[in-house]
Amino acid sequence: MSTRKVGIEDARKRLGDLVTAAQQGADIILTRNGRPVARLIPYEEPADES
């Protein structure tokens, strides 16, 4: 899995591309003023507990 750091301002312009990258397995770290503040990762459906 690859990890990419992206500034919030850049992420606003490229959200669709970042979501696609996350769907394909990328780990996207969102930064504000150069500091990590959030992570965009692929969604995994919770296991059915029935």
PDB file of N, CA and C in Angstrom:
ATOM      1  N   MET A   1       0.853  -1.172   0.000  1.00  0.00           N
ATOM      2  CA  MET A   1       0.000   0.000   0.000  1.00  0.00           C
ATOM      3  C   MET A   1       0.894   1.229   0.000  1.00  0.00           C
ATOM      4  N   SER A   2       0.552   2.196  -0.834  1.00  0.00           N
ATOM      5  CA  SER A   2       1.348   3.425  -0.889  1.00  0.00           C
ATOM      6  C   SER A   2       0.731   4.486   0.020  1.00  0.00           C
ATOM      7  N   THR A   3       1.564   5.356   0.538  1.00  0.00           N
ATOM      8  CA  THR A   3       1.112   6.461   1.378  1.00  0.00           C
ATOM      9  C   THR A   3       1.487   7.765   0.702  1.00  0.00           C
ATOM     10  N   ARG A   4       0.518   8.684   0.623  1.00  0.00           N
ATOM     11  CA  ARG A   4       0.758  10.000   0.026  1.00  0.00           C
ATOM     12  C   ARG A   4       0.305  11.068   0.994  1.00  0.00           C
ATOM     13  N   LYS A   5       1.080  12.134   1.101  1.00  0.00           N
ATOM     14  CA  LYS A   5       0.694  13.293   1.908  1.00  0.00           C
ATOM     15  C   LYS A   5       0.190  14.376   0.967  1.00  0.00           C
ATOM     16  N   VAL A   6      -0.975  14.925   1.300  1.00  0.00           N
ATOM     17  CA  VAL A   6      -1.606  15.942   0.464  1.00  0.00           C
ATOM     18  C   VAL A   6      -2.115  17.054   1.367  1.00  0.00           C
ATOM     19  N   GLY A   7      -1.797  18.294   1.020  1.00  0.00           N
ATOM     20  CA  GLY A   7      -2.303  19.432   1.771  1.00  0.00           C
ATOM     21  C   GLY A   7      -3.807  19.579   1.585  1.00  0.00           C
ATOM     22  N   ILE A   8      -4.474  20.111   2.597  1.00  0.00           N
ATOM     23  CA  ILE A   8      -5.930  20.273   2.561  1.00  0.00           C
ATOM     24  C   ILE A   8      -6.370  21.090   1.345  1.00  0.00           C
ATOM     25  N   GLU A   9      -5.690  22.187   1.071  1.00  0.00           N
ATOM     26  CA  GLU A   9      -6.086  23.031  -0.066  1.00  0.00           C
ATOM     27  C   GLU A   9      -5.994  22.259  -1.380  1.00  0.00           C
ATOM     28  N   ASP A  10      -4.931  21.502  -1.563  1.00  0.00           N
ATOM     29  CA  ASP A  10      -4.776  20.685  -2.765  1.00  0.00           C
ATOM     30  C   ASP A  10      -5.831  19.585  -2.795  1.00  0.00           C
ATOM     31  N   ALA A  11      -6.126  19.003  -1.648  1.00  0.00           N
ATOM     32  CA  ALA A  11      -7.109  17.918  -1.565  1.00  0.00           C
ATOM     33  C   ALA A  11      -8.498  18.407  -1.985  1.00  0.00           C
ATOM     34  N   ARG A  12      -8.840  19.636  -1.658  1.00  0.00           N
ATOM     35  CA  ARG A  12     -10.140  20.191  -2.052  1.00  0.00           C
ATOM     36  C   ARG A  12     -10.288  20.188  -3.569  1.00  0.00           C
ATOM     37  N   LYS A  13      -9.232  20.477  -4.256  1.00  0.00           N
ATOM     38  CA  LYS A  13      -9.261  20.542  -5.717  1.00  0.00           C
ATOM     39  C   LYS A  13      -9.241  19.161  -6.349  1.00  0.00           C
ATOM     40  N   ARG A  14      -8.711  18.167  -5.622  1.00  0.00           N
ATOM     41  CA  ARG A  14      -8.468  16.843  -6.208  1.00  0.00           C
ATOM     42  C   ARG A  14      -9.197  15.717  -5.475  1.00  0.00           C
ATOM     43  N   LEU A  15     -10.279  16.046  -4.756  1.00  0.00           N
ATOM     44  CA  LEU A  15     -10.933  15.048  -3.911  1.00  0.00           C
ATOM     45  C   LEU A  15     -11.325  13.795  -4.684  1.00  0.00           C
ATOM     46  N   GLY A  16     -11.915  13.961  -5.852  1.00  0.00           N
ATOM     47  CA  GLY A  16     -12.318  12.795  -6.645  1.00  0.00           C
ATOM     48  C   GLY A  16     -11.151  11.872  -6.951  1.00  0.00           C
ATOM     49  N   ASP A  17     -10.022  12.454  -7.342  1.00  0.00           N
ATOM     50  CA  ASP A  17      -8.834  11.652  -7.641  1.00  0.00           C
ATOM     51  C   ASP A  17      -8.301  10.962  -6.390  1.00  0.00           C
ATOM     52  N   LEU A  18      -8.353  11.657  -5.260  1.00  0.00           N
ATOM     53  CA  LEU A  18      -7.856  11.075  -4.008  1.00  0.00           C
ATOM     54  C   LEU A  18      -8.746   9.917  -3.546  1.00  0.00           C
ATOM     55  N   VAL A  19     -10.049  10.064  -3.717  1.00  0.00           N
ATOM     56  CA  VAL A  19     -10.969   8.977  -3.360  1.00  0.00           C
ATOM     57  C   VAL A  19     -10.711   7.764  -4.251  1.00  0.00           C
ATOM     58  N   THR A  20     -10.505   7.997  -5.526  1.00  0.00           N
ATOM     59  CA  THR A  20     -10.196   6.890  -6.437  1.00  0.00           C
ATOM     60  C   THR A  20      -8.910   6.195  -6.011  1.00  0.00           C
ATOM     61  N   ALA A  21      -7.898   6.970  -5.655  1.00  0.00           N
ATOM     62  CA  ALA A  21      -6.635   6.379  -5.203  1.00  0.00           C
ATOM     63  C   ALA A  21      -6.854   5.553  -3.942  1.00  0.00           C
ATOM     64  N   ALA A  22      -7.670   6.057  -3.016  1.00  0.00           N
ATOM     65  CA  ALA A  22      -7.960   5.305  -1.788  1.00  0.00           C
ATOM     66  C   ALA A  22      -8.688   4.007  -2.119  1.00  0.00           C
ATOM     67  N   GLN A  23      -9.641   4.062  -3.043  1.00  0.00           N
ATOM     68  CA  GLN A  23     -10.354   2.849  -3.453  1.00  0.00           C
ATOM     69  C   GLN A  23      -9.389   1.807  -4.004  1.00  0.00           C
ATOM     70  N   GLN A  24      -8.312   2.256  -4.606  1.00  0.00           N
ATOM     71  CA  GLN A  24      -7.331   1.354  -5.200  1.00  0.00           C
ATOM     72  C   GLN A  24      -6.254   0.940  -4.202  1.00  0.00           C
ATOM     73  N   GLY A  25      -6.409   1.358  -2.938  1.00  0.00           N
ATOM     74  CA  GLY A  25      -5.505   0.885  -1.903  1.00  0.00           C
ATOM     75  C   GLY A  25      -4.523   1.898  -1.357  1.00  0.00           C
ATOM     76  N   ALA A  26      -4.516   3.123  -1.887  1.00  0.00           N
ATOM     77  CA  ALA A  26      -3.588   4.135  -1.377  1.00  0.00           C
ATOM     78  C   ALA A  26      -4.037   4.628  -0.008  1.00  0.00           C
ATOM     79  N   ASP A  27      -3.093   4.990   0.807  1.00  0.00           N
ATOM     80  CA  ASP A  27      -3.325   5.585   2.119  1.00  0.00           C
ATOM     81  C   ASP A  27      -2.972   7.065   1.968  1.00  0.00           C
ATOM     82  N   ILE A  28      -3.972   7.945   2.051  1.00  0.00           N
ATOM     83  CA  ILE A  28      -3.768   9.367   1.826  1.00  0.00           C
ATOM     84  C   ILE A  28      -3.769  10.077   3.173  1.00  0.00           C
ATOM     85  N   ILE A  29      -2.693  10.777   3.483  1.00  0.00           N
ATOM     86  CA  ILE A  29      -2.597  11.567   4.700  1.00  0.00           C
ATOM     87  C   ILE A  29      -2.879  13.014   4.322  1.00  0.00           C
ATOM     88  N   LEU A  30      -3.898  13.603   4.931  1.00  0.00           N
ATOM     89  CA  LEU A  30      -4.208  15.011   4.692  1.00  0.00           C
ATOM     90  C   LEU A  30      -3.446  15.850   5.706  1.00  0.00           C
ATOM     91  N   THR A  31      -2.830  16.917   5.213  1.00  0.00           N
ATOM     92  CA  THR A  31      -2.019  17.764   6.087  1.00  0.00           C
ATOM     93  C   THR A  31      -2.554  19.191   6.101  1.00  0.00           C
ATOM     94  N   ARG A  32      -2.332  19.858   7.220  1.00  0.00           N
ATOM     95  CA  ARG A  32      -2.638  21.288   7.348  1.00  0.00           C
ATOM     96  C   ARG A  32      -1.377  21.930   7.916  1.00  0.00           C
ATOM     97  N   ASN A  33      -0.880  22.921   7.216  1.00  0.00           N
ATOM     98  CA  ASN A  33       0.374  23.580   7.607  1.00  0.00           C
ATOM     99  C   ASN A  33       1.513  22.572   7.776  1.00  0.00           C
ATOM    100  N   GLY A  34       1.510  21.549   6.904  1.00  0.00           N
ATOM    101  CA  GLY A  34       2.571  20.550   6.915  1.00  0.00           C
ATOM    102  C   GLY A  34       2.437  19.466   7.963  1.00  0.00           C
ATOM    103  N   ARG A  35       1.388  19.524   8.774  1.00  0.00           N
ATOM    104  CA  ARG A  35       1.208  18.525   9.833  1.00  0.00           C
ATOM    105  C   ARG A  35       0.041  17.599   9.514  1.00  0.00           C
ATOM    106  N   PRO A  36       0.210  16.299   9.712  1.00  0.00           N
ATOM    107  CA  PRO A  36      -0.882  15.358   9.448  1.00  0.00           C
ATOM    108  C   PRO A  36      -2.090  15.648  10.335  1.00  0.00           C
ATOM    109  N   VAL A  37      -3.293  15.655   9.719  1.00  0.00           N
ATOM    110  CA  VAL A  37      -4.515  15.916  10.479  1.00  0.00           C
ATOM    111  C   VAL A  37      -5.611  14.884  10.231  1.00  0.00           C
ATOM    112  N   ALA A  38      -5.536  14.149   9.123  1.00  0.00           N
ATOM    113  CA  ALA A  38      -6.576  13.160   8.816  1.00  0.00           C
ATOM    114  C   ALA A  38      -6.018  12.143   7.832  1.00  0.00           C
ATOM    115  N   ARG A  39      -6.726  11.041   7.709  1.00  0.00           N
ATOM    116  CA  ARG A  39      -6.292   9.976   6.801  1.00  0.00           C
ATOM    117  C   ARG A  39      -7.480   9.533   5.958  1.00  0.00           C
ATOM    118  N   LEU A  40      -7.243   9.322   4.672  1.00  0.00           N
ATOM    119  CA  LEU A  40      -8.228   8.798   3.740  1.00  0.00           C
ATOM    120  C   LEU A  40      -7.747   7.410   3.347  1.00  0.00           C
ATOM    121  N   ILE A  41      -8.516   6.395   3.718  1.00  0.00           N
ATOM    122  CA  ILE A  41      -8.127   5.009   3.456  1.00  0.00           C
ATOM    123  C   ILE A  41      -9.282   4.281   2.778  1.00  0.00           C
ATOM    124  N   PRO A  42      -9.025   3.131   2.169  1.00  0.00           N
ATOM    125  CA  PRO A  42     -10.112   2.385   1.528  1.00  0.00           C
ATOM    126  C   PRO A  42     -11.153   1.944   2.557  1.00  0.00           C
ATOM    127  N   TYR A  43     -12.418   2.023   2.181  1.00  0.00           N
ATOM    128  CA  TYR A  43     -13.505   1.574   3.041  1.00  0.00           C
ATOM    129  C   TYR A  43     -13.616   0.062   2.973  1.00  0.00           C
ATOM    130  N   GLU A  44     -13.786  -0.550   4.120  1.00  0.00           N
ATOM    131  CA  GLU A  44     -14.019  -1.996   4.169  1.00  0.00           C
ATOM    132  C   GLU A  44     -15.347  -2.239   4.852  1.00  0.00           C
ATOM    133  N   GLU A  45     -16.192  -3.004   4.222  1.00  0.00           N
ATOM    134  CA  GLU A  45     -17.487  -3.356   4.777  1.00  0.00           C
ATOM    135  C   GLU A  45     -17.287  -4.140   6.062  1.00  0.00           C
ATOM    136  N   PRO A  46     -17.979  -3.766   7.147  1.00  0.00           N
ATOM    137  CA  PRO A  46     -17.823  -4.520   8.409  1.00  0.00           C
ATOM    138  C   PRO A  46     -18.271  -5.971   8.232  1.00  0.00           C
ATOM    139  N   ALA A  47     -17.616  -6.851   8.962  1.00  0.00           N
ATOM    140  CA  ALA A  47     -17.999  -8.261   8.902  1.00  0.00           C
ATOM    141  C   ALA A  47     -19.399  -8.437   9.470  1.00  0.00           C
ATOM    142  N   ASP A  48     -20.177  -9.270   8.851  1.00  0.00           N
ATOM    143  CA  ASP A  48     -21.530  -9.560   9.322  1.00  0.00           C
ATOM    144  C   ASP A  48     -21.422 -10.406  10.593  1.00  0.00           C
ATOM    145  N   GLU A  49     -21.974  -9.897  11.678  1.00  0.00           N
ATOM    146  CA  GLU A  49     -21.844 -10.583  12.956  1.00  0.00           C
ATOM    147  C   GLU A  49     -23.068 -11.398  13.324  1.00  0.00           C
ATOM    148  N   SER A  50     -23.882 -11.825  12.343  1.00  0.00           N
ATOM    149  CA  SER A  50     -25.061 -12.627  12.688  1.00  0.00           C
ATOM    150  C   SER A  50     -24.728 -14.082  12.813  1.00  0.00           C
TER     151      SER A  50
END
